[in-house]
Amino acid sequence: MGCGLLFLFIGSTFAGEFSILFLLFAAAAFFLGFMFHRLSPHPEPTRFSTIRKMRQRSRDRKEDKRPEDDHEK
């Protein structure tokens, strides 16, 4: 939306009819879009999840095999 309004502003400038409202609305649309993007929760990354699970399982197995006195140190 912000890009479209920015193009309208540029077009109005080239046409000789300078319309500052297009520029203001474009800036507001970019700002709102940026804020909505920053505030929205991002999904948990699923890329390489299988590798992460395999590494975690191997760490868990290594911790289970350690003697009890290693945990106290």
N, C-alpha and C. Protein backbone atom coordinates (compact mmCIF):
# COMPACT_ATOMS: atom_id res chain seq x y z
N MET A 1 0.82 -1.18 0.00
CA MET A 1 0.00 0.00 0.00
C MET A 1 0.87 1.25 0.00
N GLY A 2 1.91 1.21 0.83
CA GLY A 2 2.81 2.35 0.90
C GLY A 2 3.55 2.57 -0.41
N CYS A 3 3.94 1.48 -1.06
CA CYS A 3 4.63 1.59 -2.36
C CYS A 3 3.71 2.19 -3.41
N GLY A 4 2.47 1.78 -3.43
CA GLY A 4 1.51 2.32 -4.39
C GLY A 4 1.31 3.81 -4.20
N LEU A 5 1.18 4.22 -2.96
CA LEU A 5 1.01 5.65 -2.68
C LEU A 5 2.27 6.44 -3.02
N LEU A 6 3.42 5.82 -2.81
CA LEU A 6 4.67 6.49 -3.17
C LEU A 6 4.77 6.66 -4.69
N PHE A 7 4.36 5.63 -5.43
CA PHE A 7 4.36 5.75 -6.90
C PHE A 7 3.36 6.82 -7.37
N LEU A 8 2.23 6.91 -6.69
CA LEU A 8 1.27 7.97 -7.03
C LEU A 8 1.86 9.35 -6.78
N PHE A 9 2.60 9.47 -5.67
CA PHE A 9 3.26 10.75 -5.38
C PHE A 9 4.28 11.10 -6.45
N ILE A 10 5.09 10.13 -6.85
CA ILE A 10 6.10 10.37 -7.89
C ILE A 10 5.41 10.71 -9.21
N GLY A 11 4.34 9.99 -9.53
CA GLY A 11 3.59 10.27 -10.75
C GLY A 11 2.97 11.65 -10.74
N SER A 12 2.44 12.06 -9.59
CA SER A 12 1.84 13.40 -9.52
C SER A 12 2.91 14.48 -9.63
N THR A 13 4.11 14.19 -9.15
CA THR A 13 5.20 15.16 -9.28
C THR A 13 5.60 15.32 -10.74
N PHE A 14 5.72 14.20 -11.46
CA PHE A 14 6.08 14.27 -12.87
C PHE A 14 4.97 14.91 -13.71
N ALA A 15 3.75 14.76 -13.28
CA ALA A 15 2.62 15.33 -14.02
C ALA A 15 2.48 16.83 -13.78
N GLY A 16 3.22 17.34 -12.82
CA GLY A 16 3.16 18.77 -12.55
C GLY A 16 2.18 19.14 -11.46
N GLU A 17 1.43 18.18 -10.95
CA GLU A 17 0.51 18.41 -9.86
C GLU A 17 1.09 17.81 -8.59
N PHE A 18 1.84 18.58 -7.87
CA PHE A 18 2.52 18.13 -6.66
C PHE A 18 1.50 17.90 -5.55
N SER A 19 1.34 16.64 -5.12
CA SER A 19 0.37 16.31 -4.08
C SER A 19 1.11 15.72 -2.89
N ILE A 20 1.25 16.51 -1.85
CA ILE A 20 1.97 16.09 -0.66
C ILE A 20 1.21 15.03 0.13
N LEU A 21 -0.11 14.96 -0.07
CA LEU A 21 -0.91 13.97 0.66
C LEU A 21 -0.49 12.54 0.32
N PHE A 22 -0.16 12.30 -0.95
CA PHE A 22 0.31 10.96 -1.32
C PHE A 22 1.58 10.60 -0.56
N LEU A 23 2.48 11.56 -0.43
CA LEU A 23 3.73 11.31 0.30
C LEU A 23 3.46 11.06 1.77
N LEU A 24 2.60 11.84 2.38
CA LEU A 24 2.28 11.66 3.80
C LEU A 24 1.59 10.32 4.05
N PHE A 25 0.63 9.96 3.20
CA PHE A 25 -0.06 8.69 3.37
C PHE A 25 0.88 7.51 3.11
N ALA A 26 1.79 7.67 2.18
CA ALA A 26 2.77 6.61 1.90
C ALA A 26 3.68 6.40 3.11
N ALA A 27 4.15 7.50 3.70
CA ALA A 27 5.00 7.40 4.89
C ALA A 27 4.23 6.76 6.04
N ALA A 28 2.97 7.14 6.22
CA ALA A 28 2.16 6.54 7.29
C ALA A 28 1.93 5.06 7.04
N ALA A 29 1.69 4.67 5.79
CA ALA A 29 1.47 3.25 5.47
C ALA A 29 2.74 2.44 5.70
N PHE A 30 3.89 2.98 5.31
CA PHE A 30 5.16 2.29 5.57
C PHE A 30 5.40 2.13 7.07
N PHE A 31 5.13 3.19 7.83
CA PHE A 31 5.33 3.15 9.28
C PHE A 31 4.41 2.13 9.94
N LEU A 32 3.14 2.15 9.57
CA LEU A 32 2.20 1.18 10.15
C LEU A 32 2.56 -0.25 9.77
N GLY A 33 2.95 -0.45 8.53
CA GLY A 33 3.37 -1.78 8.10
C GLY A 33 4.58 -2.27 8.87
N PHE A 34 5.53 -1.38 9.09
CA PHE A 34 6.73 -1.73 9.86
C PHE A 34 6.36 -2.08 11.29
N MET A 35 5.48 -1.29 11.90
CA MET A 35 5.09 -1.55 13.29
C MET A 35 4.32 -2.86 13.41
N PHE A 36 3.40 -3.13 12.48
CA PHE A 36 2.66 -4.39 12.53
C PHE A 36 3.59 -5.58 12.34
N HIS A 37 4.59 -5.42 11.50
CA HIS A 37 5.54 -6.51 11.27
C HIS A 37 6.38 -6.77 12.53
N ARG A 38 6.80 -5.70 13.20
CA ARG A 38 7.63 -5.85 14.39
C ARG A 38 6.84 -6.42 15.57
N LEU A 39 5.56 -6.07 15.68
CA LEU A 39 4.77 -6.49 16.83
C LEU A 39 4.16 -7.88 16.68
N SER A 40 4.11 -8.40 15.47
CA SER A 40 3.47 -9.70 15.26
C SER A 40 4.40 -10.81 15.75
N PRO A 41 3.84 -11.85 16.38
CA PRO A 41 4.68 -12.96 16.84
C PRO A 41 5.24 -13.74 15.65
N HIS A 42 6.50 -14.07 15.74
CA HIS A 42 7.14 -14.82 14.67
C HIS A 42 7.05 -16.31 14.97
N PRO A 43 6.80 -17.12 13.96
CA PRO A 43 6.68 -18.57 14.19
C PRO A 43 8.02 -19.19 14.56
N GLU A 44 7.92 -20.30 15.25
CA GLU A 44 9.11 -21.05 15.64
C GLU A 44 9.80 -21.57 14.38
N PRO A 45 11.11 -21.40 14.27
CA PRO A 45 11.78 -21.87 13.05
C PRO A 45 11.73 -23.40 12.95
N THR A 46 11.34 -23.89 11.79
CA THR A 46 11.25 -25.34 11.59
C THR A 46 12.37 -25.85 10.71
N ARG A 47 13.16 -24.95 10.18
CA ARG A 47 14.26 -25.37 9.32
C ARG A 47 15.31 -26.08 10.16
N PHE A 48 15.77 -27.19 9.71
CA PHE A 48 16.78 -28.02 10.38
C PHE A 48 16.29 -28.53 11.73
N SER A 49 14.98 -28.66 11.91
CA SER A 49 14.46 -29.12 13.20
C SER A 49 14.86 -30.57 13.48
N THR A 50 14.97 -31.39 12.45
CA THR A 50 15.37 -32.78 12.65
C THR A 50 16.79 -32.85 13.18
N ILE A 51 17.67 -32.02 12.64
CA ILE A 51 19.06 -32.02 13.10
C ILE A 51 19.13 -31.52 14.55
N ARG A 52 18.35 -30.49 14.89
CA ARG A 52 18.33 -30.00 16.27
C ARG A 52 17.86 -31.07 17.24
N LYS A 53 16.81 -31.82 16.85
CA LYS A 53 16.29 -32.88 17.72
C LYS A 53 17.33 -33.97 17.90
N MET A 54 18.04 -34.34 16.83
CA MET A 54 19.07 -35.38 16.93
C MET A 54 20.20 -34.93 17.86
N ARG A 55 20.62 -33.69 17.75
CA ARG A 55 21.67 -33.18 18.63
C ARG A 55 21.22 -33.17 20.09
N GLN A 56 19.98 -32.75 20.33
CA GLN A 56 19.47 -32.71 21.70
C GLN A 56 19.40 -34.10 22.30
N ARG A 57 18.95 -35.08 21.50
CA ARG A 57 18.88 -36.46 22.00
C ARG A 57 20.27 -36.98 22.34
N SER A 58 21.27 -36.64 21.50
CA SER A 58 22.63 -37.12 21.77
C SER A 58 23.17 -36.45 23.03
N ARG A 59 22.87 -35.17 23.26
CA ARG A 59 23.30 -34.50 24.50
C ARG A 59 22.63 -35.14 25.71
N ASP A 60 21.35 -35.44 25.58
CA ASP A 60 20.63 -36.07 26.69
C ASP A 60 21.21 -37.43 27.02
N ARG A 61 21.54 -38.21 25.99
CA ARG A 61 22.13 -39.53 26.23
C ARG A 61 23.50 -39.40 26.90
N LYS A 62 24.30 -38.42 26.49
CA LYS A 62 25.62 -38.22 27.09
C LYS A 62 25.49 -37.84 28.55
N GLU A 63 24.51 -36.99 28.87
CA GLU A 63 24.31 -36.60 30.27
C GLU A 63 23.82 -37.77 31.11
N ASP A 64 23.01 -38.65 30.54
CA ASP A 64 22.51 -39.81 31.27
C ASP A 64 23.63 -40.81 31.55
N LYS A 65 24.63 -40.90 30.69
CA LYS A 65 25.73 -41.85 30.85
C LYS A 65 26.78 -41.39 31.84
N ARG A 66 26.82 -40.11 32.18
CA ARG A 66 27.82 -39.59 33.09
C ARG A 66 27.58 -40.13 34.50
N PRO A 67 28.67 -40.36 35.24
CA PRO A 67 28.51 -40.76 36.65
C PRO A 67 27.94 -39.60 37.48
N GLU A 68 27.38 -39.92 38.62
CA GLU A 68 26.70 -38.92 39.45
C GLU A 68 27.67 -37.88 39.98
N ASP A 69 28.94 -38.22 40.30
CA ASP A 69 29.85 -37.24 40.87
C ASP A 69 30.26 -36.19 39.85
N ASP A 70 30.10 -36.43 38.54
CA ASP A 70 30.38 -35.40 37.53
C ASP A 70 29.33 -34.30 37.57
N HIS A 71 28.11 -34.65 37.93
CA HIS A 71 27.04 -33.66 37.98
C HIS A 71 27.25 -32.68 39.15
N GLU A 72 27.92 -33.12 40.23
CA GLU A 72 28.10 -32.28 41.40
C GLU A 72 29.19 -31.24 41.18
N LYS A 73 30.10 -31.46 40.27
CA LYS A 73 31.20 -30.52 40.05
C LYS A 73 30.79 -29.31 39.37
